[in-house]
N, C-alpha and C. Protein backbone atom coordinates (compact mmCIF):
# COMPACT_ATOMS: atom_id res chain seq x y z
N UNK A 1 -34.54 -60.01 12.44
CA UNK A 1 -35.64 -58.91 12.75
C UNK A 1 -34.99 -57.96 13.73
N UNK A 2 -35.16 -56.78 13.54
CA UNK A 2 -34.61 -55.67 14.44
C UNK A 2 -35.75 -55.51 15.63
N UNK A 3 -35.17 -55.42 16.84
CA UNK A 3 -36.21 -55.09 17.84
C UNK A 3 -36.97 -53.78 17.74
N UNK A 4 -38.16 -53.72 18.03
CA UNK A 4 -38.90 -52.52 17.83
C UNK A 4 -38.34 -51.25 18.60
N UNK A 5 -37.73 -51.43 19.64
CA UNK A 5 -37.14 -50.24 20.34
C UNK A 5 -35.77 -49.88 19.83
N UNK A 6 -35.28 -50.63 19.00
CA UNK A 6 -33.87 -50.41 18.35
C UNK A 6 -33.95 -49.37 17.27
N UNK A 7 -35.00 -49.30 16.56
CA UNK A 7 -35.09 -48.39 15.41
C UNK A 7 -35.07 -46.94 15.87
N UNK A 8 -35.99 -46.57 16.89
CA UNK A 8 -35.96 -45.19 17.22
C UNK A 8 -34.55 -44.77 17.66
N UNK A 9 -33.84 -45.51 18.44
CA UNK A 9 -32.48 -45.25 18.97
C UNK A 9 -31.60 -45.15 17.84
N UNK A 10 -31.63 -45.88 16.74
CA UNK A 10 -30.73 -45.86 15.61
C UNK A 10 -31.05 -44.52 14.86
N UNK A 11 -32.26 -44.28 14.61
CA UNK A 11 -32.67 -43.08 13.97
C UNK A 11 -32.17 -41.76 14.79
N UNK A 12 -32.43 -41.83 16.02
CA UNK A 12 -31.90 -40.65 16.82
C UNK A 12 -30.34 -40.50 16.80
N UNK A 13 -29.65 -41.70 16.76
CA UNK A 13 -28.06 -41.55 16.67
C UNK A 13 -27.73 -41.07 15.39
N UNK A 14 -28.39 -41.36 14.23
CA UNK A 14 -28.06 -40.88 12.95
C UNK A 14 -28.35 -39.35 12.91
N UNK A 15 -29.56 -38.98 13.33
CA UNK A 15 -29.86 -37.61 13.35
C UNK A 15 -28.87 -36.64 14.21
N UNK A 16 -28.58 -37.31 15.32
CA UNK A 16 -27.45 -36.58 16.26
C UNK A 16 -26.15 -36.42 15.40
N UNK A 17 -25.76 -37.49 14.75
CA UNK A 17 -24.50 -37.54 13.95
C UNK A 17 -24.59 -36.34 12.85
N UNK A 18 -25.68 -36.36 12.07
CA UNK A 18 -25.79 -35.27 11.17
C UNK A 18 -25.86 -33.87 11.70
N UNK A 19 -26.64 -33.61 12.81
CA UNK A 19 -26.51 -32.39 13.51
C UNK A 19 -25.13 -31.95 13.86
N UNK A 20 -24.39 -32.88 14.56
CA UNK A 20 -23.10 -32.52 14.85
C UNK A 20 -22.13 -32.21 13.69
N UNK A 21 -22.36 -32.88 12.64
CA UNK A 21 -21.55 -32.63 11.40
C UNK A 21 -21.85 -31.21 11.02
N UNK A 22 -23.07 -30.73 11.01
CA UNK A 22 -23.40 -29.43 10.52
C UNK A 22 -22.87 -28.40 11.50
N UNK A 23 -22.78 -28.73 12.69
CA UNK A 23 -22.26 -27.80 13.79
C UNK A 23 -20.83 -27.59 13.59
N UNK A 24 -20.12 -28.71 13.40
CA UNK A 24 -18.61 -28.48 13.07
C UNK A 24 -18.30 -27.86 11.80
N UNK A 25 -19.03 -28.21 10.84
CA UNK A 25 -18.69 -27.54 9.51
C UNK A 25 -19.04 -25.99 9.47
N UNK A 26 -20.10 -25.68 10.13
CA UNK A 26 -20.45 -24.23 10.38
C UNK A 26 -19.40 -23.48 11.10
N UNK A 27 -18.83 -24.16 12.14
CA UNK A 27 -17.85 -23.45 12.86
C UNK A 27 -16.56 -23.37 12.18
N UNK A 28 -16.26 -24.18 11.22
CA UNK A 28 -15.10 -24.13 10.56
C UNK A 28 -15.07 -23.23 9.34
N UNK A 29 -16.26 -22.89 8.78
CA UNK A 29 -16.34 -22.14 7.53
C UNK A 29 -15.94 -20.64 7.79
N UNK A 30 -16.20 -20.14 9.05
CA UNK A 30 -15.85 -18.70 9.29
C UNK A 30 -16.79 -17.73 8.69
N UNK A 31 -16.70 -16.45 8.94
CA UNK A 31 -17.66 -15.43 8.50
C UNK A 31 -17.35 -15.22 7.01
N UNK A 32 -18.44 -14.82 6.45
CA UNK A 32 -18.52 -14.54 4.96
C UNK A 32 -17.99 -12.98 4.90
N UNK A 33 -17.29 -12.86 3.74
CA UNK A 33 -16.75 -11.37 3.53
C UNK A 33 -17.98 -10.64 2.91
N UNK A 34 -18.10 -9.37 3.28
CA UNK A 34 -19.07 -8.46 2.60
C UNK A 34 -18.52 -7.77 1.50
N UNK A 35 -17.13 -7.73 1.25
CA UNK A 35 -16.46 -6.95 0.23
C UNK A 35 -16.37 -5.53 0.54
N UNK A 36 -16.98 -5.15 1.66
CA UNK A 36 -17.02 -3.66 2.06
C UNK A 36 -15.50 -3.36 2.73
N UNK A 37 -15.27 -2.15 2.58
CA UNK A 37 -14.00 -1.69 3.26
C UNK A 37 -14.45 -1.08 4.53
N UNK A 38 -13.92 -1.83 5.61
CA UNK A 38 -14.32 -1.25 6.98
C UNK A 38 -12.98 -0.85 7.64
N UNK A 39 -12.32 0.04 7.00
CA UNK A 39 -11.02 0.54 7.57
C UNK A 39 -11.35 1.07 8.94
N UNK A 40 -10.40 0.81 9.93
CA UNK A 40 -10.44 1.31 11.26
C UNK A 40 -11.22 0.52 12.26
N UNK A 41 -12.11 -0.39 11.85
CA UNK A 41 -12.94 -1.16 12.76
C UNK A 41 -12.12 -2.32 13.29
N UNK A 42 -12.05 -2.46 14.57
CA UNK A 42 -11.31 -3.50 15.15
C UNK A 42 -11.75 -4.86 14.63
N UNK A 43 -10.85 -5.72 14.33
CA UNK A 43 -11.26 -7.07 13.75
C UNK A 43 -11.86 -6.99 12.19
N UNK A 44 -11.80 -5.82 11.58
CA UNK A 44 -12.31 -5.74 10.24
C UNK A 44 -11.53 -6.67 9.23
N UNK A 45 -12.23 -7.15 8.25
CA UNK A 45 -11.58 -8.06 7.24
C UNK A 45 -10.52 -7.22 6.42
N UNK A 46 -9.47 -7.74 6.30
CA UNK A 46 -8.45 -7.23 5.36
C UNK A 46 -7.88 -8.37 4.56
N UNK A 47 -7.15 -7.92 3.51
CA UNK A 47 -6.53 -8.95 2.65
C UNK A 47 -5.10 -8.69 2.30
N UNK A 48 -4.23 -9.77 2.17
CA UNK A 48 -2.79 -9.74 1.88
C UNK A 48 -2.73 -10.59 0.60
N UNK A 49 -1.70 -10.29 -0.09
CA UNK A 49 -1.30 -11.15 -1.15
C UNK A 49 -0.04 -11.87 -0.52
N UNK A 50 -0.09 -13.14 -0.48
CA UNK A 50 1.01 -13.93 0.19
C UNK A 50 1.77 -14.38 -1.04
N UNK A 51 3.19 -13.95 -1.07
CA UNK A 51 4.04 -14.19 -2.11
C UNK A 51 4.93 -15.44 -1.86
N UNK A 52 5.25 -15.62 -0.65
CA UNK A 52 6.14 -16.78 -0.27
C UNK A 52 5.79 -17.47 1.10
N UNK A 53 5.97 -18.67 1.16
CA UNK A 53 5.74 -19.38 2.36
C UNK A 53 6.96 -20.38 2.56
N UNK A 54 7.80 -20.16 3.58
CA UNK A 54 8.99 -20.99 3.67
C UNK A 54 9.33 -21.11 5.17
N UNK A 55 10.07 -22.28 5.50
CA UNK A 55 10.58 -22.52 6.79
C UNK A 55 12.02 -21.79 6.98
N UNK A 56 12.52 -21.30 5.84
CA UNK A 56 13.90 -20.79 5.91
C UNK A 56 13.85 -19.34 5.93
N UNK A 57 14.34 -18.76 7.01
CA UNK A 57 14.37 -17.38 7.17
C UNK A 57 15.14 -16.48 6.09
N UNK A 58 16.19 -17.23 5.64
CA UNK A 58 17.12 -16.48 4.55
C UNK A 58 16.33 -16.36 3.30
N UNK A 59 15.45 -17.44 3.01
CA UNK A 59 14.66 -17.35 1.70
C UNK A 59 13.61 -16.37 1.88
N UNK A 60 12.94 -16.25 3.11
CA UNK A 60 12.09 -15.26 3.40
C UNK A 60 12.52 -13.86 3.19
N UNK A 61 13.65 -13.61 3.73
CA UNK A 61 14.40 -12.16 3.58
C UNK A 61 14.71 -12.04 2.16
N UNK A 62 15.15 -12.99 1.43
CA UNK A 62 15.36 -12.84 0.04
C UNK A 62 14.11 -12.44 -0.69
N UNK A 63 12.98 -13.05 -0.49
CA UNK A 63 11.80 -12.85 -1.21
C UNK A 63 11.13 -11.56 -0.73
N UNK A 64 11.54 -11.10 0.51
CA UNK A 64 11.22 -9.64 1.01
C UNK A 64 11.83 -8.60 0.15
N UNK A 65 13.14 -8.81 -0.18
CA UNK A 65 13.83 -7.85 -1.04
C UNK A 65 13.35 -7.87 -2.49
N UNK A 66 13.09 -9.00 -2.95
CA UNK A 66 12.50 -9.06 -4.43
C UNK A 66 11.15 -8.49 -4.48
N UNK A 67 10.37 -8.75 -3.45
CA UNK A 67 8.82 -8.11 -3.40
C UNK A 67 8.92 -6.66 -3.24
N UNK A 68 9.90 -6.14 -2.43
CA UNK A 68 10.07 -4.77 -2.24
C UNK A 68 10.35 -3.92 -3.49
N UNK A 69 11.34 -4.67 -4.20
CA UNK A 69 11.69 -4.01 -5.46
C UNK A 69 10.64 -4.04 -6.42
N UNK A 70 9.89 -5.20 -6.53
CA UNK A 70 8.80 -5.33 -7.51
C UNK A 70 7.75 -4.40 -7.16
N UNK A 71 7.40 -4.09 -5.88
CA UNK A 71 6.38 -3.09 -5.53
C UNK A 71 6.74 -1.64 -5.76
N UNK A 72 8.05 -1.32 -5.65
CA UNK A 72 8.59 0.14 -6.09
C UNK A 72 8.54 0.30 -7.42
N UNK A 73 8.57 -0.80 -8.37
CA UNK A 73 8.54 -0.65 -9.73
C UNK A 73 7.28 -0.51 -10.27
N UNK A 74 6.16 -0.66 -9.53
CA UNK A 74 4.81 -0.44 -10.06
C UNK A 74 4.50 0.98 -10.22
N UNK A 75 3.65 1.30 -11.08
CA UNK A 75 3.19 2.69 -11.24
C UNK A 75 2.36 2.97 -10.03
N UNK A 76 2.20 4.16 -9.62
CA UNK A 76 1.37 4.43 -8.48
C UNK A 76 -0.24 4.01 -8.62
N UNK A 77 -0.59 4.06 -9.92
CA UNK A 77 -1.98 3.64 -10.11
C UNK A 77 -2.09 2.15 -10.15
N UNK A 78 -1.07 1.24 -10.08
CA UNK A 78 -1.12 -0.10 -9.92
C UNK A 78 -0.88 -0.58 -8.39
N UNK A 79 -0.77 0.42 -7.59
CA UNK A 79 -0.54 0.08 -6.14
C UNK A 79 -1.78 0.58 -5.13
N UNK A 80 -2.75 -0.16 -4.97
CA UNK A 80 -3.79 0.10 -4.16
C UNK A 80 -3.43 0.58 -2.83
N UNK A 81 -4.19 1.62 -2.15
CA UNK A 81 -3.68 2.10 -0.88
C UNK A 81 -3.64 0.93 0.11
N UNK A 82 -2.72 0.93 1.21
CA UNK A 82 -2.88 0.04 2.17
C UNK A 82 -3.79 0.44 3.34
N UNK A 83 -4.26 -0.43 4.00
CA UNK A 83 -5.21 -0.30 5.08
C UNK A 83 -4.38 0.38 6.24
N UNK A 84 -4.84 1.59 6.73
CA UNK A 84 -4.02 2.12 7.84
C UNK A 84 -4.55 1.67 9.12
N UNK A 85 -3.63 1.76 10.25
CA UNK A 85 -3.95 1.45 11.53
C UNK A 85 -3.73 -0.10 11.86
N UNK A 86 -3.02 -0.72 10.92
CA UNK A 86 -2.69 -2.11 11.28
C UNK A 86 -1.16 -2.22 11.49
N UNK A 87 -0.67 -3.30 12.11
CA UNK A 87 0.80 -3.33 12.27
C UNK A 87 1.60 -3.30 11.14
N UNK A 88 1.22 -3.66 9.97
CA UNK A 88 1.97 -3.65 8.68
C UNK A 88 1.67 -2.64 7.76
N UNK A 89 0.81 -1.55 8.19
CA UNK A 89 0.25 -0.65 7.31
C UNK A 89 1.43 0.37 6.81
N UNK A 90 2.43 0.53 7.62
CA UNK A 90 3.52 1.38 7.14
C UNK A 90 4.50 0.85 6.06
N UNK A 91 4.46 -0.51 5.92
CA UNK A 91 5.36 -1.30 4.90
C UNK A 91 4.40 -1.99 4.04
N UNK A 92 4.64 -1.82 2.75
CA UNK A 92 3.80 -2.76 1.91
C UNK A 92 4.14 -4.10 1.77
N UNK A 93 5.33 -4.53 2.07
CA UNK A 93 5.83 -5.88 2.09
C UNK A 93 6.34 -6.17 3.47
N UNK A 94 5.86 -7.36 3.91
CA UNK A 94 6.30 -7.72 5.32
C UNK A 94 6.58 -9.20 5.28
N UNK A 95 7.36 -9.62 6.50
CA UNK A 95 7.53 -11.03 6.79
C UNK A 95 6.78 -11.29 8.11
N UNK A 96 5.92 -12.31 8.14
CA UNK A 96 5.33 -12.70 9.48
C UNK A 96 5.73 -14.13 9.74
N UNK A 97 5.84 -14.36 10.97
CA UNK A 97 6.16 -15.69 11.48
C UNK A 97 4.97 -16.24 12.09
N UNK A 98 4.59 -17.45 11.64
CA UNK A 98 3.63 -18.32 12.39
C UNK A 98 4.01 -19.63 12.32
N UNK A 99 4.62 -20.26 13.38
CA UNK A 99 5.20 -21.42 13.32
C UNK A 99 4.48 -22.52 12.54
N UNK A 100 5.14 -23.25 11.76
CA UNK A 100 6.76 -23.21 11.56
C UNK A 100 7.11 -22.46 10.34
N UNK A 101 6.33 -21.57 9.95
CA UNK A 101 6.61 -20.87 8.53
C UNK A 101 6.74 -19.35 8.55
N UNK A 102 7.55 -18.84 7.81
CA UNK A 102 7.59 -17.46 7.47
C UNK A 102 6.77 -17.16 6.22
N UNK A 103 5.93 -16.02 6.31
CA UNK A 103 5.12 -15.62 5.31
C UNK A 103 5.48 -14.21 4.77
N UNK A 104 5.86 -14.16 3.41
CA UNK A 104 6.13 -12.93 2.85
C UNK A 104 4.88 -12.37 2.19
N UNK A 105 4.44 -11.23 2.56
CA UNK A 105 3.09 -10.66 2.17
C UNK A 105 3.00 -9.25 1.69
N UNK A 106 2.32 -8.99 0.81
CA UNK A 106 1.93 -7.67 0.41
C UNK A 106 0.66 -7.17 0.90
N UNK A 107 0.55 -5.86 1.26
CA UNK A 107 -0.65 -5.55 2.00
C UNK A 107 -0.64 -4.76 3.32
N UNK A 108 -1.62 -4.66 3.95
CA UNK A 108 -3.01 -5.09 3.75
C UNK A 108 -3.80 -4.29 2.82
N UNK A 109 -4.78 -4.86 2.20
CA UNK A 109 -5.61 -4.09 1.40
C UNK A 109 -6.90 -4.10 2.01
N UNK A 110 -7.81 -3.23 1.53
CA UNK A 110 -9.18 -3.19 2.28
C UNK A 110 -10.16 -4.07 1.54
N UNK A 111 -9.90 -4.38 0.31
CA UNK A 111 -10.98 -5.21 -0.42
C UNK A 111 -10.25 -6.33 -1.04
N UNK A 112 -11.02 -7.42 -1.23
CA UNK A 112 -10.54 -8.67 -1.93
C UNK A 112 -10.24 -8.29 -3.41
N UNK A 113 -11.01 -7.34 -3.91
CA UNK A 113 -10.82 -6.93 -5.30
C UNK A 113 -9.45 -6.27 -5.59
N UNK A 114 -9.12 -5.44 -4.53
CA UNK A 114 -7.71 -4.84 -4.60
C UNK A 114 -6.62 -5.84 -4.54
N UNK A 115 -6.84 -6.76 -3.68
CA UNK A 115 -5.87 -7.77 -3.56
C UNK A 115 -5.74 -8.73 -4.65
N UNK A 116 -6.85 -9.15 -5.39
CA UNK A 116 -6.87 -9.86 -6.55
C UNK A 116 -6.25 -9.05 -7.76
N UNK A 117 -6.33 -7.81 -7.79
CA UNK A 117 -5.57 -6.99 -8.88
C UNK A 117 -4.01 -7.05 -8.65
N UNK A 118 -3.69 -6.87 -7.40
CA UNK A 118 -2.20 -6.99 -6.99
C UNK A 118 -1.71 -8.36 -7.38
N UNK A 119 -2.61 -9.40 -7.01
CA UNK A 119 -2.06 -10.84 -7.29
C UNK A 119 -1.94 -11.02 -8.72
N UNK A 120 -2.90 -10.55 -9.67
CA UNK A 120 -2.79 -10.71 -11.12
C UNK A 120 -1.38 -10.05 -11.58
N UNK A 121 -1.15 -8.87 -11.13
CA UNK A 121 0.14 -8.30 -11.50
C UNK A 121 1.30 -8.97 -11.02
N UNK A 122 1.30 -9.56 -9.75
CA UNK A 122 2.36 -10.14 -9.04
C UNK A 122 2.65 -11.55 -9.61
N UNK A 123 1.72 -12.25 -10.06
CA UNK A 123 1.75 -13.70 -10.40
C UNK A 123 2.97 -14.05 -11.38
N UNK A 124 3.28 -13.16 -12.44
CA UNK A 124 4.43 -13.66 -13.19
C UNK A 124 5.73 -13.65 -12.49
N UNK A 125 5.94 -12.79 -11.44
CA UNK A 125 7.22 -12.77 -10.61
C UNK A 125 7.02 -13.76 -9.48
N UNK A 126 5.93 -14.04 -9.06
CA UNK A 126 5.65 -14.95 -7.71
C UNK A 126 4.50 -15.91 -8.08
N UNK A 127 4.83 -16.93 -9.01
CA UNK A 127 3.92 -17.77 -9.46
C UNK A 127 3.02 -18.52 -8.35
N UNK A 128 3.60 -18.73 -7.12
CA UNK A 128 2.81 -19.41 -6.09
C UNK A 128 2.10 -18.48 -5.17
N UNK A 129 1.93 -17.18 -5.48
CA UNK A 129 1.29 -16.28 -4.70
C UNK A 129 -0.38 -16.54 -4.72
N UNK A 130 -0.95 -16.00 -3.64
CA UNK A 130 -2.47 -16.12 -3.39
C UNK A 130 -2.98 -15.07 -2.66
N UNK A 131 -4.26 -14.79 -2.59
CA UNK A 131 -4.88 -13.89 -1.61
C UNK A 131 -5.11 -14.63 -0.36
N UNK A 132 -4.75 -13.89 0.76
CA UNK A 132 -4.85 -14.48 2.08
C UNK A 132 -5.82 -13.49 2.84
N UNK A 133 -7.01 -13.94 3.12
CA UNK A 133 -7.81 -13.04 3.96
C UNK A 133 -7.40 -13.06 5.50
N UNK A 134 -7.66 -11.97 6.16
CA UNK A 134 -7.31 -11.87 7.52
C UNK A 134 -8.13 -11.04 8.27
N UNK A 135 -7.89 -10.84 9.56
CA UNK A 135 -8.69 -9.96 10.36
C UNK A 135 -7.67 -8.86 10.88
N UNK A 136 -7.91 -7.51 10.86
CA UNK A 136 -7.17 -6.52 11.42
C UNK A 136 -7.08 -6.68 12.93
N UNK A 137 -5.93 -6.51 13.58
CA UNK A 137 -5.92 -6.42 15.01
C UNK A 137 -6.57 -5.23 15.44
N UNK A 138 -7.15 -5.28 16.61
CA UNK A 138 -7.70 -4.04 17.29
C UNK A 138 -6.65 -2.98 17.54
N UNK A 139 -6.70 -1.71 17.32
CA UNK A 139 -5.62 -0.86 17.47
C UNK A 139 -5.34 -0.82 18.93
N UNK A 140 -4.08 -0.70 19.28
CA UNK A 140 -3.54 -0.52 20.53
C UNK A 140 -3.67 0.92 21.07
N UNK A 141 -4.13 1.07 22.35
CA UNK A 141 -4.36 2.50 22.81
C UNK A 141 -3.01 2.94 23.58
N UNK A 142 -2.48 4.13 23.19
CA UNK A 142 -1.41 4.66 23.84
C UNK A 142 -1.82 5.44 25.10
N UNK A 143 -1.10 5.21 26.19
CA UNK A 143 -1.51 5.98 27.46
C UNK A 143 -0.46 6.98 27.58
């Protein structure tokens, strides 16, 4: 038989565990995309098409060259505009380093729909490509 005071303690500990699980999951899920283009807003949602992920800088550089050629061969109508005001907005294909991997990316694009269209076109040449949502860095102020 369970002591009468043990049941409320047990119920409270279960409820606390469920509540904590919900807090952790909510914090990990991140903000939802509205699908709106919010060009120029600091921290605005942007999208890249990630073509290659590798630990080898040489392979990343080779993928950068292939991706640059691929992008130039697209008709202008197949190349959505890049989001302006970001660190990579001047170049459609970039390599970024986030330890321990190099990421070769196309973009940034203002909407997930634009990135998905580029992904569909790029997939035959880059079968492991996927859309990578990101946040635009706040613009730096020149003094």
